């Protein structure tokens, strides 16, 4: 069985995809502004902001320590043995 965390791997793939989309949306925004199309520029700006938010959320998820393999603090305390 693999020790690879599939959730973190999938989040990394999504982050890569979302960062690529954010770059695309930024370029589209610049093109729309350059063409003077303010309606399109507003739309691409909104898409860029949403994509940047998703990047931040996925990045935060990836920076969070994995909790599936850790034990709660109450489970790590040892109970003293009764004298036999």
N, C-alpha and C. Protein backbone atom coordinates (compact mmCIF):
# COMPACT_ATOMS: atom_id res chain seq x y z
N UNK A 1 0.84 -1.18 0.00
CA UNK A 1 0.00 0.00 0.00
C UNK A 1 0.89 1.24 0.00
N UNK A 2 0.52 2.22 -0.74
CA UNK A 2 1.31 3.43 -0.88
C UNK A 2 1.08 4.37 0.30
N UNK A 3 2.12 5.10 0.65
CA UNK A 3 2.01 6.10 1.71
C UNK A 3 1.73 7.48 1.12
N UNK A 4 1.42 7.52 -0.16
CA UNK A 4 1.16 8.77 -0.86
C UNK A 4 -0.25 9.26 -0.50
N UNK A 5 -0.35 10.49 -0.06
CA UNK A 5 -1.63 11.08 0.31
C UNK A 5 -2.32 11.58 -0.96
N UNK A 6 -3.36 10.88 -1.37
CA UNK A 6 -4.05 11.21 -2.62
C UNK A 6 -4.76 12.56 -2.55
N UNK A 7 -5.24 12.93 -1.38
CA UNK A 7 -5.93 14.21 -1.25
C UNK A 7 -4.96 15.36 -1.50
N UNK A 8 -3.77 15.28 -0.90
CA UNK A 8 -2.77 16.33 -1.09
C UNK A 8 -2.27 16.35 -2.54
N UNK A 9 -2.12 15.17 -3.11
CA UNK A 9 -1.69 15.09 -4.51
C UNK A 9 -2.72 15.75 -5.43
N UNK A 10 -3.98 15.45 -5.19
CA UNK A 10 -5.04 16.03 -6.01
C UNK A 10 -5.09 17.55 -5.81
N UNK A 11 -4.92 18.01 -4.57
CA UNK A 11 -4.91 19.45 -4.31
C UNK A 11 -3.75 20.12 -5.04
N UNK A 12 -2.60 19.45 -5.10
CA UNK A 12 -1.46 20.01 -5.82
C UNK A 12 -1.76 20.12 -7.31
N UNK A 13 -2.40 19.11 -7.87
CA UNK A 13 -2.78 19.16 -9.28
C UNK A 13 -3.78 20.29 -9.54
N UNK A 14 -4.76 20.43 -8.65
CA UNK A 14 -5.74 21.51 -8.80
C UNK A 14 -5.07 22.87 -8.67
N UNK A 15 -4.11 23.00 -7.76
CA UNK A 15 -3.40 24.27 -7.60
C UNK A 15 -2.62 24.62 -8.86
N UNK A 16 -1.96 23.64 -9.45
CA UNK A 16 -1.22 23.88 -10.69
C UNK A 16 -2.16 24.33 -11.80
N UNK A 17 -3.29 23.66 -11.93
CA UNK A 17 -4.28 24.03 -12.95
C UNK A 17 -4.82 25.42 -12.70
N UNK A 18 -5.14 25.72 -11.45
CA UNK A 18 -5.73 27.01 -11.13
C UNK A 18 -4.74 28.15 -11.33
N UNK A 19 -3.46 27.91 -11.03
CA UNK A 19 -2.44 28.93 -11.26
C UNK A 19 -2.28 29.21 -12.76
N UNK A 20 -2.36 28.16 -13.56
CA UNK A 20 -2.29 28.33 -15.01
C UNK A 20 -3.48 29.15 -15.52
N UNK A 21 -4.66 28.85 -14.99
CA UNK A 21 -5.85 29.61 -15.38
C UNK A 21 -5.75 31.07 -14.93
N UNK A 22 -5.23 31.30 -13.74
CA UNK A 22 -5.09 32.68 -13.25
C UNK A 22 -4.18 33.48 -14.18
N UNK A 23 -3.10 32.86 -14.63
CA UNK A 23 -2.19 33.54 -15.56
C UNK A 23 -2.91 33.83 -16.88
N UNK A 24 -3.71 32.88 -17.36
CA UNK A 24 -4.47 33.10 -18.59
C UNK A 24 -5.46 34.24 -18.41
N UNK A 25 -6.17 34.25 -17.29
CA UNK A 25 -7.16 35.31 -17.05
C UNK A 25 -6.47 36.67 -16.96
N UNK A 26 -5.29 36.72 -16.37
CA UNK A 26 -4.55 37.98 -16.30
C UNK A 26 -4.17 38.48 -17.68
N UNK A 27 -3.72 37.57 -18.54
CA UNK A 27 -3.39 37.97 -19.92
C UNK A 27 -4.62 38.45 -20.67
N UNK A 28 -5.74 37.74 -20.49
CA UNK A 28 -6.98 38.15 -21.17
C UNK A 28 -7.44 39.52 -20.69
N UNK A 29 -7.27 39.78 -19.39
CA UNK A 29 -7.62 41.09 -18.84
C UNK A 29 -6.78 42.18 -19.51
N UNK A 30 -5.48 41.94 -19.61
CA UNK A 30 -4.59 42.92 -20.24
C UNK A 30 -4.98 43.17 -21.70
N UNK A 31 -5.32 42.10 -22.41
CA UNK A 31 -5.74 42.24 -23.80
C UNK A 31 -7.02 43.06 -23.91
N UNK A 32 -7.98 42.78 -23.03
CA UNK A 32 -9.26 43.49 -23.08
C UNK A 32 -9.06 44.97 -22.77
N UNK A 33 -8.22 45.26 -21.78
CA UNK A 33 -7.95 46.66 -21.45
C UNK A 33 -7.25 47.34 -22.63
N UNK A 34 -6.30 46.64 -23.24
CA UNK A 34 -5.60 47.18 -24.40
C UNK A 34 -6.52 47.46 -25.57
N UNK A 35 -7.54 46.64 -25.72
CA UNK A 35 -8.52 46.83 -26.81
C UNK A 35 -9.61 47.83 -26.44
N UNK A 36 -9.63 48.25 -25.19
CA UNK A 36 -10.65 49.20 -24.75
C UNK A 36 -11.99 48.57 -24.44
N UNK A 37 -12.05 47.26 -24.34
CA UNK A 37 -13.30 46.54 -24.04
C UNK A 37 -13.42 46.40 -22.52
N UNK A 38 -14.05 47.40 -21.90
CA UNK A 38 -14.13 47.41 -20.44
C UNK A 38 -15.05 46.33 -19.88
N UNK A 39 -16.08 45.96 -20.63
CA UNK A 39 -16.98 44.90 -20.17
C UNK A 39 -16.23 43.57 -20.09
N UNK A 40 -15.47 43.26 -21.12
CA UNK A 40 -14.67 42.02 -21.11
C UNK A 40 -13.59 42.10 -20.04
N UNK A 41 -12.99 43.27 -19.88
CA UNK A 41 -11.95 43.44 -18.86
C UNK A 41 -12.52 43.18 -17.47
N UNK A 42 -13.72 43.65 -17.22
CA UNK A 42 -14.37 43.42 -15.92
C UNK A 42 -14.62 41.93 -15.70
N UNK A 43 -15.06 41.25 -16.74
CA UNK A 43 -15.31 39.81 -16.63
C UNK A 43 -14.02 39.04 -16.35
N UNK A 44 -12.95 39.37 -17.11
CA UNK A 44 -11.68 38.66 -16.90
C UNK A 44 -11.07 38.98 -15.54
N UNK A 45 -11.28 40.21 -15.06
CA UNK A 45 -10.80 40.57 -13.74
C UNK A 45 -11.51 39.74 -12.67
N UNK A 46 -12.81 39.57 -12.84
CA UNK A 46 -13.58 38.75 -11.88
C UNK A 46 -13.09 37.30 -11.91
N UNK A 47 -12.88 36.76 -13.10
CA UNK A 47 -12.39 35.39 -13.21
C UNK A 47 -11.01 35.26 -12.56
N UNK A 48 -10.15 36.27 -12.77
CA UNK A 48 -8.82 36.24 -12.18
C UNK A 48 -8.91 36.26 -10.65
N UNK A 49 -9.76 37.11 -10.12
CA UNK A 49 -9.89 37.19 -8.66
C UNK A 49 -10.42 35.89 -8.07
N UNK A 50 -11.40 35.27 -8.72
CA UNK A 50 -11.90 33.98 -8.24
C UNK A 50 -10.81 32.91 -8.30
N UNK A 51 -10.06 32.90 -9.37
CA UNK A 51 -8.99 31.92 -9.52
C UNK A 51 -7.89 32.14 -8.48
N UNK A 52 -7.56 33.41 -8.21
CA UNK A 52 -6.56 33.71 -7.18
C UNK A 52 -7.05 33.27 -5.81
N UNK A 53 -8.35 33.43 -5.54
CA UNK A 53 -8.91 32.96 -4.27
C UNK A 53 -8.77 31.44 -4.16
N UNK A 54 -9.08 30.74 -5.24
CA UNK A 54 -8.94 29.28 -5.22
C UNK A 54 -7.49 28.86 -5.00
N UNK A 55 -6.56 29.59 -5.61
CA UNK A 55 -5.14 29.30 -5.41
C UNK A 55 -4.75 29.47 -3.94
N UNK A 56 -5.22 30.55 -3.33
CA UNK A 56 -4.90 30.76 -1.91
C UNK A 56 -5.50 29.66 -1.05
N UNK A 57 -6.75 29.26 -1.33
CA UNK A 57 -7.40 28.22 -0.54
C UNK A 57 -6.68 26.88 -0.70
N UNK A 58 -6.32 26.53 -1.93
CA UNK A 58 -5.61 25.27 -2.16
C UNK A 58 -4.22 25.31 -1.54
N UNK A 59 -3.56 26.46 -1.62
CA UNK A 59 -2.24 26.60 -1.00
C UNK A 59 -2.32 26.43 0.51
N UNK A 60 -3.37 27.00 1.11
CA UNK A 60 -3.55 26.84 2.55
C UNK A 60 -3.80 25.38 2.90
N UNK A 61 -4.58 24.69 2.09
CA UNK A 61 -4.84 23.28 2.31
C UNK A 61 -3.54 22.47 2.24
N UNK A 62 -2.69 22.80 1.28
CA UNK A 62 -1.43 22.08 1.14
C UNK A 62 -0.46 22.39 2.27
N UNK A 63 -0.53 23.58 2.86
CA UNK A 63 0.36 23.93 3.97
C UNK A 63 -0.12 23.38 5.29
N UNK A 64 -1.37 22.96 5.37
CA UNK A 64 -1.93 22.42 6.60
C UNK A 64 -1.35 21.02 6.83
N UNK A 65 -0.85 20.77 8.05
CA UNK A 65 -0.31 19.43 8.30
C UNK A 65 -1.41 18.36 8.17
N UNK A 66 -1.01 17.22 7.70
CA UNK A 66 -1.97 16.12 7.53
C UNK A 66 -2.47 15.69 8.90
N UNK A 67 -3.77 15.56 9.03
CA UNK A 67 -4.33 15.16 10.32
C UNK A 67 -4.76 13.70 10.33
N UNK A 68 -4.78 13.07 9.21
CA UNK A 68 -5.23 11.68 9.15
C UNK A 68 -4.27 10.74 9.86
N UNK A 69 -2.98 11.07 9.85
CA UNK A 69 -1.99 10.18 10.45
C UNK A 69 -1.66 10.56 11.89
N UNK A 70 -2.17 11.67 12.38
CA UNK A 70 -1.84 12.09 13.74
C UNK A 70 -2.91 11.62 14.70
N UNK A 71 -2.52 11.49 15.95
CA UNK A 71 -3.45 11.07 16.97
C UNK A 71 -3.87 12.29 17.77
N UNK A 72 -5.09 12.32 18.28
CA UNK A 72 -5.50 13.43 19.11
C UNK A 72 -4.67 13.47 20.40
N UNK A 73 -4.57 14.64 21.01
CA UNK A 73 -3.76 14.80 22.21
C UNK A 73 -4.23 13.87 23.33
N UNK A 74 -5.53 13.64 23.44
CA UNK A 74 -6.03 12.77 24.51
C UNK A 74 -5.59 11.32 24.31
N UNK A 75 -5.32 10.92 23.08
CA UNK A 75 -4.91 9.53 22.82
C UNK A 75 -3.43 9.32 23.12
N UNK A 76 -2.66 10.39 23.24
CA UNK A 76 -1.23 10.22 23.48
C UNK A 76 -0.89 10.19 24.97
N UNK A 77 -1.82 10.59 25.84
CA UNK A 77 -1.55 10.54 27.28
C UNK A 77 -1.60 9.10 27.74
N UNK A 78 -0.66 8.75 28.55
CA UNK A 78 -0.65 7.39 29.08
C UNK A 78 -1.36 7.35 30.43
N UNK A 79 -2.12 6.31 30.60
CA UNK A 79 -2.82 6.10 31.86
C UNK A 79 -1.91 5.24 32.72
N UNK A 80 -1.64 5.64 33.97
CA UNK A 80 -0.75 4.82 34.81
C UNK A 80 -1.36 3.46 35.06
N UNK A 81 -0.50 2.46 35.07
CA UNK A 81 -0.95 1.09 35.34
C UNK A 81 -1.31 0.93 36.81
N UNK A 82 -2.28 0.12 37.03
CA UNK A 82 -2.67 -0.19 38.42
C UNK A 82 -1.66 -1.17 39.00
N UNK A 83 -1.33 -0.98 40.23
CA UNK A 83 -0.35 -1.89 40.88
C UNK A 83 -0.98 -3.27 41.01
N UNK A 84 -0.22 -4.26 40.64
CA UNK A 84 -0.78 -5.63 40.68
C UNK A 84 -0.42 -6.33 41.95
